[in-house]
Amino acid sequence: MPELRMHDLRHSFASALVNSGRSIYEVKQLLGHSKITTTERYAHLSQQTLLDATDAAAKATGITVSE
């Protein structure tokens, strides 16, 4: 896979961690970043993770969301 770079693997690793529920602070430490803003550029939330977070907020507040 000549097109695969280590940099790509770092992005995938960071994204997999945050989408599995690990905190951005944990990811920051694992990647060895000195600034959280760098980690934020690496960790990409999936659409499903964002929808799950919205559902959790709605459930916590008692709001019913119809599809």
PDB file of N, CA and C in Angstrom:
ATOM      1  N   MET A   1       0.842  -1.180   0.000  1.00  0.00           N
ATOM      2  CA  MET A   1       0.000   0.000   0.000  1.00  0.00           C
ATOM      3  C   MET A   1       0.893   1.251   0.000  1.00  0.00           C
ATOM      4  N   PRO A   2       1.437   1.575  -1.115  1.00  0.00           N
ATOM      5  CA  PRO A   2       2.380   2.706  -1.181  1.00  0.00           C
ATOM      6  C   PRO A   2       1.749   4.061  -0.885  1.00  0.00           C
ATOM      7  N   GLU A   3       0.449   4.190  -1.070  1.00  0.00           N
ATOM      8  CA  GLU A   3      -0.209   5.478  -0.829  1.00  0.00           C
ATOM      9  C   GLU A   3      -0.502   5.723   0.655  1.00  0.00           C
ATOM     10  N   LEU A   4      -0.336   4.730   1.485  1.00  0.00           N
ATOM     11  CA  LEU A   4      -0.595   4.853   2.923  1.00  0.00           C
ATOM     12  C   LEU A   4       0.595   5.499   3.621  1.00  0.00           C
ATOM     13  N   ARG A   5       0.295   6.520   4.417  1.00  0.00           N
ATOM     14  CA  ARG A   5       1.353   7.220   5.157  1.00  0.00           C
ATOM     15  C   ARG A   5       1.111   7.066   6.657  1.00  0.00           C
ATOM     16  N   MET A   6       2.160   7.169   7.445  1.00  0.00           N
ATOM     17  CA  MET A   6       2.051   7.095   8.901  1.00  0.00           C
ATOM     18  C   MET A   6       1.093   8.181   9.405  1.00  0.00           C
ATOM     19  N   HIS A   7       1.152   9.333   8.778  1.00  0.00           N
ATOM     20  CA  HIS A   7       0.277  10.450   9.145  1.00  0.00           C
ATOM     21  C   HIS A   7      -1.198  10.046   9.034  1.00  0.00           C
ATOM     22  N   ASP A   8      -1.547   9.302   7.984  1.00  0.00           N
ATOM     23  CA  ASP A   8      -2.922   8.830   7.802  1.00  0.00           C
ATOM     24  C   ASP A   8      -3.333   7.900   8.938  1.00  0.00           C
ATOM     25  N   LEU A   9      -2.402   7.049   9.358  1.00  0.00           N
ATOM     26  CA  LEU A   9      -2.698   6.117  10.444  1.00  0.00           C
ATOM     27  C   LEU A   9      -2.931   6.858  11.758  1.00  0.00           C
ATOM     28  N   ARG A  10      -2.215   7.946  11.985  1.00  0.00           N
ATOM     29  CA  ARG A  10      -2.410   8.745  13.198  1.00  0.00           C
ATOM     30  C   ARG A  10      -3.815   9.362  13.213  1.00  0.00           C
ATOM     31  N   HIS A  11      -4.276   9.840  12.059  1.00  0.00           N
ATOM     32  CA  HIS A  11      -5.635  10.391  11.963  1.00  0.00           C
ATOM     33  C   HIS A  11      -6.669   9.296  12.240  1.00  0.00           C
ATOM     34  N   SER A  12      -6.468   8.137  11.634  1.00  0.00           N
ATOM     35  CA  SER A  12      -7.405   7.025  11.837  1.00  0.00           C
ATOM     36  C   SER A  12      -7.429   6.583  13.295  1.00  0.00           C
ATOM     37  N   PHE A  13      -6.257   6.491  13.904  1.00  0.00           N
ATOM     38  CA  PHE A  13      -6.129   6.103  15.308  1.00  0.00           C
ATOM     39  C   PHE A  13      -6.872   7.091  16.206  1.00  0.00           C
ATOM     40  N   ALA A  14      -6.635   8.384  15.990  1.00  0.00           N
ATOM     41  CA  ALA A  14      -7.283   9.420  16.803  1.00  0.00           C
ATOM     42  C   ALA A  14      -8.799   9.390  16.626  1.00  0.00           C
ATOM     43  N   SER A  15      -9.248   9.259  15.401  1.00  0.00           N
ATOM     44  CA  SER A  15     -10.689   9.243  15.134  1.00  0.00           C
ATOM     45  C   SER A  15     -11.352   8.013  15.736  1.00  0.00           C
ATOM     46  N   ALA A  16     -10.700   6.864  15.614  1.00  0.00           N
ATOM     47  CA  ALA A  16     -11.251   5.638  16.194  1.00  0.00           C
ATOM     48  C   ALA A  16     -11.386   5.774  17.708  1.00  0.00           C
ATOM     49  N   LEU A  17     -10.402   6.379  18.340  1.00  0.00           N
ATOM     50  CA  LEU A  17     -10.457   6.545  19.791  1.00  0.00           C
ATOM     51  C   LEU A  17     -11.607   7.448  20.222  1.00  0.00           C
ATOM     52  N   VAL A  18     -11.740   8.634  19.613  1.00  0.00           N
ATOM     53  CA  VAL A  18     -12.806   9.542  20.058  1.00  0.00           C
ATOM     54  C   VAL A  18     -14.181   8.993  19.714  1.00  0.00           C
ATOM     55  N   ASN A  19     -14.293   8.268  18.599  1.00  0.00           N
ATOM     56  CA  ASN A  19     -15.587   7.701  18.232  1.00  0.00           C
ATOM     57  C   ASN A  19     -15.963   6.497  19.083  1.00  0.00           C
ATOM     58  N   SER A  20     -14.982   5.941  19.795  1.00  0.00           N
ATOM     59  CA  SER A  20     -15.292   4.838  20.709  1.00  0.00           C
ATOM     60  C   SER A  20     -15.506   5.334  22.141  1.00  0.00           C
ATOM     61  N   GLY A  21     -15.463   6.658  22.311  1.00  0.00           N
ATOM     62  CA  GLY A  21     -15.784   7.222  23.616  1.00  0.00           C
ATOM     63  C   GLY A  21     -14.603   7.694  24.444  1.00  0.00           C
ATOM     64  N   ARG A  22     -13.381   7.589  23.928  1.00  0.00           N
ATOM     65  CA  ARG A  22     -12.220   8.075  24.667  1.00  0.00           C
ATOM     66  C   ARG A  22     -12.181   9.592  24.598  1.00  0.00           C
ATOM     67  N   SER A  23     -11.679  10.216  25.630  1.00  0.00           N
ATOM     68  CA  SER A  23     -11.661  11.675  25.673  1.00  0.00           C
ATOM     69  C   SER A  23     -10.557  12.243  24.780  1.00  0.00           C
ATOM     70  N   ILE A  24     -10.746  13.466  24.365  1.00  0.00           N
ATOM     71  CA  ILE A  24      -9.752  14.154  23.547  1.00  0.00           C
ATOM     72  C   ILE A  24      -8.433  14.296  24.317  1.00  0.00           C
ATOM     73  N   TYR A  25      -8.537  14.381  25.640  1.00  0.00           N
ATOM     74  CA  TYR A  25      -7.339  14.495  26.473  1.00  0.00           C
ATOM     75  C   TYR A  25      -6.530  13.194  26.467  1.00  0.00           C
ATOM     76  N   GLU A  26      -7.231  12.065  26.474  1.00  0.00           N
ATOM     77  CA  GLU A  26      -6.537  10.779  26.376  1.00  0.00           C
ATOM     78  C   GLU A  26      -5.837  10.652  25.029  1.00  0.00           C
ATOM     79  N   VAL A  27      -6.532  11.037  23.971  1.00  0.00           N
ATOM     80  CA  VAL A  27      -5.970  10.959  22.625  1.00  0.00           C
ATOM     81  C   VAL A  27      -4.746  11.874  22.516  1.00  0.00           C
ATOM     82  N   LYS A  28      -4.843  13.064  23.098  1.00  0.00           N
ATOM     83  CA  LYS A  28      -3.727  14.013  23.102  1.00  0.00           C
ATOM     84  C   LYS A  28      -2.485  13.363  23.691  1.00  0.00           C
ATOM     85  N   GLN A  29      -2.654  12.703  24.818  1.00  0.00           N
ATOM     86  CA  GLN A  29      -1.517  12.052  25.485  1.00  0.00           C
ATOM     87  C   GLN A  29      -0.959  10.910  24.641  1.00  0.00           C
ATOM     88  N   LEU A  30      -1.853  10.119  24.067  1.00  0.00           N
ATOM     89  CA  LEU A  30      -1.408   8.971  23.271  1.00  0.00           C
ATOM     90  C   LEU A  30      -0.655   9.395  22.014  1.00  0.00           C
ATOM     91  N   LEU A  31      -1.070  10.494  21.420  1.00  0.00           N
ATOM     92  CA  LEU A  31      -0.397  10.976  20.213  1.00  0.00           C
ATOM     93  C   LEU A  31       0.832  11.830  20.527  1.00  0.00           C
ATOM     94  N   GLY A  32       0.978  12.221  21.787  1.00  0.00           N
ATOM     95  CA  GLY A  32       2.129  13.004  22.187  1.00  0.00           C
ATOM     96  C   GLY A  32       2.063  14.470  21.799  1.00  0.00           C
ATOM     97  N   HIS A  33       0.849  14.968  21.620  1.00  0.00           N
ATOM     98  CA  HIS A  33       0.693  16.381  21.273  1.00  0.00           C
ATOM     99  C   HIS A  33       0.865  17.253  22.507  1.00  0.00           C
ATOM    100  N   SER A  34       1.446  18.425  22.320  1.00  0.00           N
ATOM    101  CA  SER A  34       1.589  19.350  23.444  1.00  0.00           C
ATOM    102  C   SER A  34       0.360  20.251  23.572  1.00  0.00           C
ATOM    103  N   LYS A  35      -0.390  20.407  22.486  1.00  0.00           N
ATOM    104  CA  LYS A  35      -1.575  21.274  22.497  1.00  0.00           C
ATOM    105  C   LYS A  35      -2.812  20.490  22.062  1.00  0.00           C
ATOM    106  N   ILE A  36      -3.901  20.737  22.754  1.00  0.00           N
ATOM    107  CA  ILE A  36      -5.158  20.061  22.444  1.00  0.00           C
ATOM    108  C   ILE A  36      -5.666  20.442  21.050  1.00  0.00           C
ATOM    109  N   THR A  37      -5.340  21.641  20.598  1.00  0.00           N
ATOM    110  CA  THR A  37      -5.795  22.077  19.267  1.00  0.00           C
ATOM    111  C   THR A  37      -5.201  21.208  18.158  1.00  0.00           C
ATOM    112  N   THR A  38      -4.004  20.719  18.369  1.00  0.00           N
ATOM    113  CA  THR A  38      -3.411  19.806  17.384  1.00  0.00           C
ATOM    114  C   THR A  38      -4.201  18.511  17.342  1.00  0.00           C
ATOM    115  N   THR A  39      -4.530  17.990  18.501  1.00  0.00           N
ATOM    116  CA  THR A  39      -5.309  16.742  18.580  1.00  0.00           C
ATOM    117  C   THR A  39      -6.672  16.920  17.931  1.00  0.00           C
ATOM    118  N   GLU A  40      -7.282  18.068  18.113  1.00  0.00           N
ATOM    119  CA  GLU A  40      -8.592  18.325  17.512  1.00  0.00           C
ATOM    120  C   GLU A  40      -8.541  18.228  15.989  1.00  0.00           C
ATOM    121  N   ARG A  41      -7.412  18.564  15.401  1.00  0.00           N
ATOM    122  CA  ARG A  41      -7.277  18.460  13.947  1.00  0.00           C
ATOM    123  C   ARG A  41      -7.126  17.007  13.503  1.00  0.00           C
ATOM    124  N   TYR A  42      -6.700  16.141  14.393  1.00  0.00           N
ATOM    125  CA  TYR A  42      -6.504  14.732  14.074  1.00  0.00           C
ATOM    126  C   TYR A  42      -7.763  13.888  14.300  1.00  0.00           C
ATOM    127  N   ALA A  43      -8.523  14.233  15.313  1.00  0.00           N
ATOM    128  CA  ALA A  43      -9.655  13.401  15.734  1.00  0.00           C
ATOM    129  C   ALA A  43     -10.945  13.901  15.096  1.00  0.00           C
ATOM    130  N   HIS A  44     -11.510  13.093  14.241  1.00  0.00           N
ATOM    131  CA  HIS A  44     -12.726  13.471  13.515  1.00  0.00           C
ATOM    132  C   HIS A  44     -13.906  12.642  14.014  1.00  0.00           C
ATOM    133  N   LEU A  45     -14.925  13.328  14.492  1.00  0.00           N
ATOM    134  CA  LEU A  45     -16.117  12.630  14.977  1.00  0.00           C
ATOM    135  C   LEU A  45     -16.960  12.168  13.793  1.00  0.00           C
ATOM    136  N   SER A  46     -17.441  10.950  13.878  1.00  0.00           N
ATOM    137  CA  SER A  46     -18.318  10.435  12.823  1.00  0.00           C
ATOM    138  C   SER A  46     -19.723  11.008  12.999  1.00  0.00           C
ATOM    139  N   GLN A  47     -20.476  10.965  11.941  1.00  0.00           N
ATOM    140  CA  GLN A  47     -21.865  11.436  11.990  1.00  0.00           C
ATOM    141  C   GLN A  47     -22.662  10.630  13.018  1.00  0.00           C
ATOM    142  N   GLN A  48     -22.401   9.329  13.088  1.00  0.00           N
ATOM    143  CA  GLN A  48     -23.127   8.480  14.040  1.00  0.00           C
ATOM    144  C   GLN A  48     -22.803   8.866  15.478  1.00  0.00           C
ATOM    145  N   THR A  49     -21.552   9.175  15.767  1.00  0.00           N
ATOM    146  CA  THR A  49     -21.161   9.603  17.114  1.00  0.00           C
ATOM    147  C   THR A  49     -21.893  10.877  17.494  1.00  0.00           C
ATOM    148  N   LEU A  50     -21.996  11.814  16.555  1.00  0.00           N
ATOM    149  CA  LEU A  50     -22.701  13.066  16.824  1.00  0.00           C
ATOM    150  C   LEU A  50     -24.192  12.831  17.036  1.00  0.00           C
ATOM    151  N   LEU A  51     -24.784  11.936  16.247  1.00  0.00           N
ATOM    152  CA  LEU A  51     -26.203  11.607  16.431  1.00  0.00           C
ATOM    153  C   LEU A  51     -26.435  10.931  17.788  1.00  0.00           C
ATOM    154  N   ASP A  52     -25.537  10.045  18.169  1.00  0.00           N
ATOM    155  CA  ASP A  52     -25.647   9.381  19.471  1.00  0.00           C
ATOM    156  C   ASP A  52     -25.570  10.395  20.614  1.00  0.00           C
ATOM    157  N   ALA A  53     -24.686  11.385  20.475  1.00  0.00           N
ATOM    158  CA  ALA A  53     -24.552  12.423  21.500  1.00  0.00           C
ATOM    159  C   ALA A  53     -25.830  13.253  21.591  1.00  0.00           C
ATOM    160  N   THR A  54     -26.416  13.559  20.458  1.00  0.00           N
ATOM    161  CA  THR A  54     -27.673  14.303  20.436  1.00  0.00           C
ATOM    162  C   THR A  54     -28.789  13.503  21.093  1.00  0.00           C
ATOM    163  N   ASP A  55     -28.858  12.219  20.784  1.00  0.00           N
ATOM    164  CA  ASP A  55     -29.861  11.356  21.407  1.00  0.00           C
ATOM    165  C   ASP A  55     -29.676  11.282  22.916  1.00  0.00           C
ATOM    166  N   ALA A  56     -28.429  11.202  23.365  1.00  0.00           N
ATOM    167  CA  ALA A  56     -28.145  11.139  24.798  1.00  0.00           C
ATOM    168  C   ALA A  56     -28.571  12.439  25.486  1.00  0.00           C
ATOM    169  N   ALA A  57     -28.339  13.568  24.843  1.00  0.00           N
ATOM    170  CA  ALA A  57     -28.747  14.856  25.415  1.00  0.00           C
ATOM    171  C   ALA A  57     -30.266  14.948  25.485  1.00  0.00           C
ATOM    172  N   ALA A  58     -30.929  14.494  24.438  1.00  0.00           N
ATOM    173  CA  ALA A  58     -32.393  14.519  24.430  1.00  0.00           C
ATOM    174  C   ALA A  58     -32.954  13.613  25.530  1.00  0.00           C
ATOM    175  N   LYS A  59     -32.388  12.443  25.667  1.00  0.00           N
ATOM    176  CA  LYS A  59     -32.842  11.513  26.702  1.00  0.00           C
ATOM    177  C   LYS A  59     -32.626  12.107  28.094  1.00  0.00           C
ATOM    178  N   ALA A  60     -31.479  12.734  28.312  1.00  0.00           N
ATOM    179  CA  ALA A  60     -31.156  13.313  29.626  1.00  0.00           C
ATOM    180  C   ALA A  60     -32.103  14.453  29.997  1.00  0.00           C
ATOM    181  N   THR A  61     -32.605  15.150  28.990  1.00  0.00           N
ATOM    182  CA  THR A  61     -33.496  16.284  29.253  1.00  0.00           C
ATOM    183  C   THR A  61     -34.968  15.898  29.132  1.00  0.00           C
ATOM    184  N   GLY A  62     -35.238  14.666  28.737  1.00  0.00           N
ATOM    185  CA  GLY A  62     -36.615  14.215  28.621  1.00  0.00           C
ATOM    186  C   GLY A  62     -37.299  14.634  27.339  1.00  0.00           C
ATOM    187  N   ILE A  63     -36.538  15.118  26.386  1.00  0.00           N
ATOM    188  CA  ILE A  63     -37.096  15.562  25.107  1.00  0.00           C
ATOM    189  C   ILE A  63     -37.291  14.351  24.213  1.00  0.00           C
ATOM    190  N   THR A  64     -38.435  14.279  23.561  1.00  0.00           N
ATOM    191  CA  THR A  64     -38.711  13.222  22.624  1.00  0.00           C
ATOM    192  C   THR A  64     -38.433  13.726  21.223  1.00  0.00           C
ATOM    193  N   VAL A  65     -37.589  13.011  20.510  1.00  0.00           N
ATOM    194  CA  VAL A  65     -37.245  13.385  19.135  1.00  0.00           C
ATOM    195  C   VAL A  65     -37.890  12.370  18.212  1.00  0.00           C
ATOM    196  N   SER A  66     -38.747  12.865  17.327  1.00  0.00           N
ATOM    197  CA  SER A  66     -39.393  11.945  16.379  1.00  0.00           C
ATOM    198  C   SER A  66     -38.612  11.952  15.087  1.00  0.00           C
ATOM    199  N   GLU A  67     -38.571  10.793  14.440  1.00  0.00           N
ATOM    200  CA  GLU A  67     -37.813  10.640  13.193  1.00  0.00           C
ATOM    201  C   GLU A  67     -38.698  10.850  12.010  1.00  0.00           C
TER     202      GLU A  67
END
